């Protein structure tokens, strides 16, 4: 493999295992039983993990160049594995929060953000494809680990599932670090202009991106956080509910690969308007159907849209802000964290209140529609 291919492969290994965070919906029911807590509180573990990911992506660009790529990957992997082992031993909500939401969440965001920006710099001629592949690997991780988590819970315990993720993470991170060491991969220093104050960023454009991204990812994060729960509310058994969570991940992975490839060829604005519209239609359909297989398919479409969106926005931001792209992306990514906090928790709260997800699905559809309208009005795909 040439140097660029090895860097891309190593980055995809890292984001693959970190993508296990988006298989958390499989933990919902087992953790409810184990800790004796309502779904809204268990959902907060995932929501706070997303907040931690957001903070580390937002601020992470400040440390990307501090270490060789292999060293940064090793350190973040060690912290992530430690957090998962603490979660495995958790006997209370607070222990789970400290291990999963904080330690795993913070290291997850640093690893994801670093790998995303690293491949963008290493493969500038095919930036859309490279960034799309990294985000797709993140989604593929949610597919694989949904099955692993369900298997380990059924065969042993919730703690055993966390240990399985930690063990896999250690192995893959070691392989990725070795690949990055061989290539002498390094994030590199920014140009003097890019190292300047963040105040130089176009705040109006940042706000436009922030709002459109917030409303775009809301539905996907809600669906990922509650995929298995939504399926079970339609009468799905444990096996089909797990398959539903995996289908959302498959859709997200396909979206990342396909959108990443197409975005190098077609105008960005088309995607930023059409994708949220597709998500809104799928969510409305889920809210009125009681068929478990239709629910599975439609949630897969929501996952596809989400995977496409998280692949396209980093490219759009990079194209608009150029060398200041990592700083701008970190700022915009705060919207993802806000949606990650609100969407899964609100869906759990509504479920506890109404014993169903219909109202949450309708709200998510409306939010997706707002994203499509705002992206069209702001013309985010155009470089100012």
Protein backbone atom coordinates (compact mmCIF):
# COMPACT_ATOMS: atom_id res chain seq x y z
CA UNK A 1 0.00 0.00 0.00
CA UNK A 2 1.19 3.53 -0.69
CA UNK A 3 1.48 6.08 2.09
CA UNK A 4 -1.93 7.73 1.55
CA UNK A 5 -3.70 4.38 1.47
CA UNK A 6 -2.04 3.30 4.73
CA UNK A 7 -3.02 6.55 6.47
CA UNK A 8 -6.59 6.18 5.26
CA UNK A 9 -6.70 2.52 6.32
CA UNK A 10 -5.31 3.27 9.79
CA UNK A 11 -7.75 6.13 10.27
CA UNK A 12 -10.66 3.90 9.26
CA UNK A 13 -9.59 1.24 11.76
CA UNK A 14 -9.64 3.83 14.54
CA UNK A 15 -13.02 5.30 13.63
CA UNK A 16 -14.47 1.82 13.08
CA UNK A 17 -13.96 0.82 16.70
CA UNK A 18 -14.89 4.27 18.02
CA UNK A 19 -18.15 3.98 16.08
CA UNK A 20 -19.30 1.46 18.69
CA UNK A 21 -20.63 4.46 20.59
CA UNK A 22 -23.53 4.60 18.14
CA UNK A 23 -24.59 1.05 18.98
CA UNK A 24 -25.59 2.26 22.45
CA UNK A 25 -29.31 1.70 21.77
CA UNK A 26 -28.70 -2.04 22.24
CA UNK A 27 -27.70 -1.26 25.84
CA UNK A 28 -30.92 0.64 26.64
CA UNK A 29 -33.20 -2.14 27.89
CA UNK A 30 -30.46 -4.22 29.61
CA UNK A 31 -29.14 -1.19 31.49
CA UNK A 32 -32.66 -0.23 32.54
CA UNK A 33 -33.02 -3.63 34.16
CA UNK A 34 -29.52 -3.71 35.64
CA UNK A 35 -29.57 -0.23 37.19
CA UNK A 36 -33.32 0.07 37.77
CA UNK A 37 -33.52 3.45 36.04
CA UNK A 38 -36.01 4.91 33.50
CA UNK A 39 -35.10 5.13 29.83
CA UNK A 40 -34.67 8.89 29.92
CA UNK A 41 -31.82 8.57 32.45
CA UNK A 42 -30.13 5.75 30.55
CA UNK A 43 -30.45 7.81 27.37
CA UNK A 44 -28.54 10.60 29.10
CA UNK A 45 -25.43 8.37 29.20
CA UNK A 46 -25.40 8.36 25.40
CA UNK A 47 -26.34 12.04 25.23
CA UNK A 48 -23.51 13.08 27.56
CA UNK A 49 -21.09 10.89 25.59
CA UNK A 50 -22.06 12.89 22.50
CA UNK A 51 -21.48 16.13 24.41
CA UNK A 52 -18.01 14.91 25.41
CA UNK A 53 -17.30 13.96 21.79
CA UNK A 54 -18.38 17.44 20.74
CA UNK A 55 -16.10 19.22 23.19
CA UNK A 56 -13.08 17.18 22.16
CA UNK A 57 -13.76 17.69 18.43
CA UNK A 58 -14.28 21.42 19.05
CA UNK A 59 -10.99 21.87 20.92
CA UNK A 60 -9.02 18.93 19.58
CA UNK A 61 -7.46 20.76 16.64
CA UNK A 62 -5.27 22.56 19.18
CA UNK A 63 -3.40 19.34 20.03
CA UNK A 64 -3.45 17.44 16.71
CA UNK A 65 0.06 18.62 15.82
CA UNK A 66 1.49 18.13 19.33
CA UNK A 67 2.34 14.45 18.80
CA UNK A 68 3.09 12.13 15.90
CA UNK A 69 -0.10 10.58 14.59
CA UNK A 70 0.73 7.16 16.03
CA UNK A 71 1.31 8.59 19.50
CA UNK A 72 -1.94 10.52 19.58
CA UNK A 73 -3.86 7.44 18.45
CA UNK A 74 -2.22 5.28 21.14
CA UNK A 75 -2.98 7.70 23.96
CA UNK A 76 -6.59 8.26 22.98
CA UNK A 77 -7.05 4.51 22.55
CA UNK A 78 -5.70 3.83 26.04
CA UNK A 79 -8.06 6.38 27.60
CA UNK A 80 -11.01 5.01 25.65
CA UNK A 81 -10.30 1.42 26.71
CA UNK A 82 -9.94 2.49 30.35
CA UNK A 83 -13.30 4.23 30.21
CA UNK A 84 -14.97 1.13 28.78
CA UNK A 85 -13.51 -1.05 31.52
CA UNK A 86 -14.85 1.36 34.16
CA UNK A 87 -18.27 1.18 32.49
CA UNK A 88 -18.06 -2.62 32.60
CA UNK A 89 -17.68 -2.49 36.38
CA UNK A 90 -20.35 0.20 36.87
CA UNK A 91 -22.93 -0.41 39.60
CA UNK A 92 -24.44 3.07 39.43
CA UNK A 93 -25.38 5.74 36.91
CA UNK A 94 -22.42 7.89 37.97
CA UNK A 95 -19.84 5.17 37.35
CA UNK A 96 -21.32 4.57 33.92
CA UNK A 97 -21.25 8.31 33.27
CA UNK A 98 -17.59 8.63 34.31
CA UNK A 99 -16.40 5.66 32.27
CA UNK A 100 -18.57 5.81 29.17
CA UNK A 101 -19.79 9.39 28.82
CA UNK A 102 -16.59 11.13 29.94
CA UNK A 103 -13.50 8.95 29.38
CA UNK A 104 -14.76 7.08 26.34
CA UNK A 105 -16.62 10.10 24.97
CA UNK A 106 -13.69 12.54 25.19
CA UNK A 107 -11.18 10.11 23.67
CA UNK A 108 -13.73 9.13 21.03
CA UNK A 109 -14.06 12.72 19.86
CA UNK A 110 -10.31 13.33 19.73
CA UNK A 111 -9.74 10.13 17.74
CA UNK A 112 -12.61 10.79 15.33
CA UNK A 113 -11.83 14.46 14.76
CA UNK A 114 -8.11 13.82 14.33
CA UNK A 115 -8.55 10.98 11.81
CA UNK A 116 -11.09 13.00 9.82
CA UNK A 117 -8.78 16.01 9.49
CA UNK A 118 -5.67 13.86 8.98
CA UNK A 119 -7.02 12.13 5.86
CA UNK A 120 -8.29 15.45 4.51
CA UNK A 121 -4.72 16.76 4.64
CA UNK A 122 -3.09 13.53 3.48
CA UNK A 123 -5.38 13.08 0.44
CA UNK A 124 -6.39 16.62 -0.65
CA UNK A 125 -7.14 15.60 -4.25
CA UNK A 126 -9.86 13.19 -3.06
CA UNK A 127 -10.87 14.92 0.13
CA UNK A 128 -14.57 14.08 -0.18
CA UNK A 129 -13.92 10.38 -0.68
CA UNK A 130 -11.33 10.20 2.13
CA UNK A 131 -13.45 12.04 4.69
CA UNK A 132 -16.52 10.08 3.61
CA UNK A 133 -14.65 6.80 4.08
CA UNK A 134 -13.60 7.77 7.62
CA UNK A 135 -17.14 8.71 8.62
CA UNK A 136 -18.48 5.56 6.92
CA UNK A 137 -16.06 3.40 8.94
CA UNK A 138 -17.45 5.09 12.06
CA UNK A 139 -20.91 3.95 10.96
CA UNK A 140 -19.75 0.43 10.10
CA UNK A 141 -18.47 0.19 13.65
CA UNK A 142 -21.97 0.79 14.96
CA UNK A 143 -23.22 -2.09 12.79
CA UNK A 144 -20.62 -4.60 13.90
CA UNK A 145 -20.71 -3.67 17.55
CA UNK A 146 -24.51 -3.74 17.73
CA UNK A 147 -24.25 -7.47 17.02
CA UNK A 148 -21.25 -7.98 19.33
CA UNK A 149 -22.94 -6.13 22.19
CA UNK A 150 -26.18 -8.10 21.82
CA UNK A 151 -24.23 -11.38 21.65
CA UNK A 152 -22.16 -10.67 24.75
CA UNK A 153 -25.15 -9.45 26.77
CA UNK A 154 -27.15 -12.55 25.88
CA UNK A 155 -24.25 -14.93 26.49
CA UNK A 156 -22.89 -13.26 29.62
CA UNK A 157 -23.67 -9.75 30.87
CA UNK A 158 -23.70 -6.04 30.12
CA UNK A 159 -20.22 -5.78 31.63
CA UNK A 160 -18.93 -8.46 29.27
CA UNK A 161 -20.17 -6.40 26.31
CA UNK A 162 -18.19 -3.35 27.46
CA UNK A 163 -15.09 -5.53 27.94
CA UNK A 164 -15.48 -6.93 24.41
CA UNK A 165 -15.50 -3.42 22.96
CA UNK A 166 -12.43 -2.48 25.02
CA UNK A 167 -10.48 -5.57 23.91
CA UNK A 168 -11.29 -4.98 20.24
CA UNK A 169 -10.33 -1.33 20.59
CA UNK A 170 -6.91 -2.15 22.02
CA UNK A 171 -6.09 -4.56 19.19
CA UNK A 172 -7.20 -2.30 16.35
CA UNK A 173 -5.62 0.84 17.79
CA UNK A 174 -2.28 -0.98 18.08
CA UNK A 175 -2.52 -2.02 14.43
CA UNK A 176 -3.47 1.51 13.36
CA UNK A 177 -0.66 3.07 15.38
CA UNK A 178 1.86 0.73 13.76
CA UNK A 179 0.61 1.69 10.29
CA UNK A 180 0.86 5.39 11.11
CA UNK A 181 4.34 4.88 12.58
CA UNK A 182 5.51 3.21 9.37
CA UNK A 183 4.29 6.12 7.27
CA UNK A 184 5.63 8.75 9.70
CA UNK A 185 2.20 10.35 9.48
CA UNK A 186 1.88 13.73 11.16
CA UNK A 187 -0.91 16.27 11.21
CA UNK A 188 1.56 19.08 10.54
CA UNK A 189 1.48 22.72 11.45
CA UNK A 190 -1.03 25.11 9.94
CA UNK A 191 -0.06 28.09 7.87
CA UNK A 192 0.49 31.38 9.73
CA UNK A 193 -2.91 32.65 8.59
CA UNK A 194 -4.64 29.56 9.88
CA UNK A 195 -2.85 29.88 13.22
CA UNK A 196 -4.33 33.30 13.73
CA UNK A 197 -7.19 34.18 16.00
CA UNK A 198 -10.45 32.31 15.59
CA UNK A 199 -12.05 35.77 15.41
CA UNK A 200 -10.94 35.90 11.78
CA UNK A 201 -13.49 33.26 10.93
CA UNK A 202 -16.59 34.55 9.15
CA UNK A 203 -19.03 34.41 12.05
CA UNK A 204 -22.09 34.84 9.86
CA UNK A 205 -21.15 31.81 7.76
CA UNK A 206 -20.31 29.86 10.90
CA UNK A 207 -23.74 30.57 12.36
CA UNK A 208 -25.44 29.52 9.13
CA UNK A 209 -23.52 26.26 9.03
CA UNK A 210 -24.15 25.71 12.75
CA UNK A 211 -27.91 26.06 12.48
CA UNK A 212 -28.26 23.98 9.31
CA UNK A 213 -26.02 21.22 10.71
CA UNK A 214 -27.85 21.17 14.04
CA UNK A 215 -31.22 20.63 12.42
CA UNK A 216 -29.78 18.18 9.87
CA UNK A 217 -28.27 15.71 12.36
CA UNK A 218 -31.07 15.88 14.96
CA UNK A 219 -33.17 13.11 13.39
CA UNK A 220 -30.22 10.81 12.77
CA UNK A 221 -28.93 11.05 16.33
CA UNK A 222 -32.39 10.38 17.72
CA UNK A 223 -32.82 7.35 15.44
CA UNK A 224 -29.37 5.97 16.27
CA UNK A 225 -29.89 6.43 20.00
CA UNK A 226 -33.31 4.75 19.99
CA UNK A 227 -33.33 2.49 16.93
CA UNK A 228 -33.75 -0.71 18.90
CA UNK A 229 -36.28 0.92 21.20
CA UNK A 230 -38.36 2.26 18.30
CA UNK A 231 -38.41 -1.21 16.72
CA UNK A 232 -39.47 -2.81 20.03
CA UNK A 233 -42.28 -0.27 20.35
CA UNK A 234 -43.57 -1.68 17.04
CA UNK A 235 -43.52 -5.23 18.40
CA UNK A 236 -40.05 -6.33 17.33
CA UNK A 237 -38.31 -9.05 19.33
CA UNK A 238 -34.73 -8.67 20.59
CA UNK A 239 -33.23 -10.12 17.41
CA UNK A 240 -35.20 -7.86 15.08
CA UNK A 241 -34.57 -4.82 17.32
CA UNK A 242 -30.82 -5.51 17.11
CA UNK A 243 -31.15 -5.90 13.33
CA UNK A 244 -32.87 -2.51 13.23
CA UNK A 245 -29.98 -0.87 15.07
CA UNK A 246 -27.60 -2.52 12.62
CA UNK A 247 -29.69 -1.37 9.65
CA UNK A 248 -29.39 2.25 10.79
CA UNK A 249 -25.62 1.74 10.91
CA UNK A 250 -25.58 0.12 7.46
CA UNK A 251 -27.55 3.04 6.06
CA UNK A 252 -25.17 5.50 7.70
CA UNK A 253 -22.12 3.68 6.31
CA UNK A 254 -23.55 3.60 2.79
CA UNK A 255 -24.42 7.27 3.07
CA UNK A 256 -20.86 8.14 4.07
CA UNK A 257 -19.25 6.21 1.21
CA UNK A 258 -21.72 7.27 -1.49
CA UNK A 259 -22.01 10.92 -0.48
CA UNK A 260 -18.24 11.19 0.00
CA UNK A 261 -17.72 9.94 -3.55
CA UNK A 262 -20.44 12.10 -5.10
CA UNK A 263 -19.55 15.31 -3.28
CA UNK A 264 -16.31 15.54 -5.27
CA UNK A 265 -18.44 15.61 -8.42
CA UNK A 266 -21.78 17.38 -7.75
CA UNK A 267 -22.74 20.75 -6.20
CA UNK A 268 -22.95 20.53 -2.42
CA UNK A 269 -26.18 22.51 -2.04
CA UNK A 270 -28.20 19.76 -3.74
CA UNK A 271 -27.25 17.32 -1.01
CA UNK A 272 -27.70 19.73 1.88
CA UNK A 273 -31.29 20.44 0.82
CA UNK A 274 -32.45 17.07 -0.52
CA UNK A 275 -31.10 14.84 2.23
CA UNK A 276 -32.98 16.39 5.17
CA UNK A 277 -36.17 16.35 3.06
CA UNK A 278 -35.74 12.61 2.55
CA UNK A 279 -35.22 12.15 6.29
CA UNK A 280 -38.38 14.12 7.08
CA UNK A 281 -40.47 11.91 4.78
CA UNK A 282 -39.03 8.73 6.31
CA UNK A 283 -39.69 9.95 9.87
CA UNK A 284 -43.29 10.85 9.06
CA UNK A 285 -43.79 7.38 7.60
CA UNK A 286 -42.34 5.73 10.71
CA UNK A 287 -44.70 7.71 12.93
CA UNK A 288 -47.78 6.26 11.19
CA UNK A 289 -46.69 2.68 10.53
CA UNK A 290 -46.97 -0.24 12.94
CA UNK A 291 -45.14 -2.71 10.69
CA UNK A 292 -41.81 -3.75 12.19
CA UNK A 293 -40.12 -4.44 8.84
CA UNK A 294 -41.27 -1.13 7.39
CA UNK A 295 -39.88 0.56 10.50
CA UNK A 296 -36.55 -1.20 9.97
CA UNK A 297 -36.34 -0.06 6.34
CA UNK A 298 -37.36 3.52 7.07
CA UNK A 299 -34.91 3.85 9.95
CA UNK A 300 -32.25 2.61 7.54
CA UNK A 301 -33.13 5.56 5.26
CA UNK A 302 -32.80 7.97 8.20
CA UNK A 303 -29.41 6.41 8.90
CA UNK A 304 -28.40 6.82 5.25
CA UNK A 305 -29.26 10.52 5.40
CA UNK A 306 -27.36 10.97 8.63
CA UNK A 307 -24.26 9.23 7.28
CA UNK A 308 -24.38 11.35 4.15
CA UNK A 309 -24.75 14.59 6.11
CA UNK A 310 -21.86 13.98 8.49
CA UNK A 311 -19.65 13.15 5.49
CA UNK A 312 -20.67 16.17 3.42
CA UNK A 313 -20.57 18.97 6.00
CA UNK A 314 -16.84 18.61 6.83
CA UNK A 315 -16.07 18.84 3.10
CA UNK A 316 -18.34 21.86 2.66
CA UNK A 317 -16.76 23.60 5.65
CA UNK A 318 -13.26 22.78 4.42
CA UNK A 319 -14.08 24.17 0.97
CA UNK A 320 -15.48 27.40 2.39
CA UNK A 321 -12.97 28.09 5.17
CA UNK A 322 -9.89 26.53 3.51
CA UNK A 323 -6.90 26.49 5.94
CA UNK A 324 -9.18 27.49 8.78
CA UNK A 325 -11.37 24.48 8.07
CA UNK A 326 -10.39 22.49 11.21
CA UNK A 327 -11.17 25.45 13.50
CA UNK A 328 -14.43 26.17 11.68
CA UNK A 329 -15.45 22.51 11.76
CA UNK A 330 -14.77 22.40 15.49
CA UNK A 331 -17.06 25.38 16.01
CA UNK A 332 -19.83 23.98 13.82
CA UNK A 333 -19.50 20.56 15.44
CA UNK A 334 -20.87 22.08 18.66
CA UNK A 335 -24.24 21.84 16.91
CA UNK A 336 -23.80 18.07 16.64
CA UNK A 337 -23.19 17.86 20.38
CA UNK A 338 -26.22 20.00 21.16
CA UNK A 339 -28.38 17.76 18.97
CA UNK A 340 -26.75 14.72 20.54
CA UNK A 341 -27.73 15.93 24.00
CA UNK A 342 -31.27 16.98 23.16
CA UNK A 343 -32.41 14.42 20.58
CA UNK A 344 -31.80 11.08 22.37
CA UNK A 345 -32.83 12.45 25.79
CA UNK A 346 -36.01 14.10 24.49
CA UNK A 347 -37.00 10.93 22.66
CA UNK A 348 -36.52 8.95 25.88
CA UNK A 349 -38.47 11.53 27.87
CA UNK A 350 -41.36 11.47 25.41
CA UNK A 351 -41.31 7.66 25.45
CA UNK A 352 -41.55 7.63 29.26
CA UNK A 353 -44.35 10.20 29.15
CA UNK A 354 -46.45 8.79 26.29
CA UNK A 355 -45.23 5.17 26.21
CA UNK A 356 -44.41 5.66 22.53
CA UNK A 357 -42.18 7.46 20.04
CA UNK A 358 -44.79 9.01 17.70
CA UNK A 359 -44.51 12.58 19.02
CA UNK A 360 -40.70 12.42 19.00
CA UNK A 361 -40.70 11.22 15.38
CA UNK A 362 -42.98 14.07 14.30
CA UNK A 363 -40.75 16.64 16.02
CA UNK A 364 -37.66 15.18 14.35
CA UNK A 365 -39.37 15.33 10.94
CA UNK A 366 -40.18 19.01 11.44
CA UNK A 367 -36.59 19.77 12.48
CA UNK A 368 -35.25 18.00 9.38
CA UNK A 369 -37.56 20.10 7.21
CA UNK A 370 -36.17 23.26 8.81
CA UNK A 371 -32.64 22.10 7.90
CA UNK A 372 -33.54 21.68 4.25
CA UNK A 373 -35.09 25.14 4.10
CA UNK A 374 -32.19 26.83 5.89
CA UNK A 375 -29.53 25.11 3.74
CA UNK A 376 -31.35 26.31 0.62
CA UNK A 377 -31.70 29.86 1.89
CA UNK A 378 -28.09 30.10 3.08
CA UNK A 379 -26.69 28.39 -0.06
CA UNK A 380 -24.12 26.62 2.08
CA UNK A 381 -22.65 24.74 -0.86
CA UNK A 382 -21.37 27.99 -2.38
CA UNK A 383 -18.03 29.49 -1.46
CA UNK A 384 -18.56 33.08 -0.38
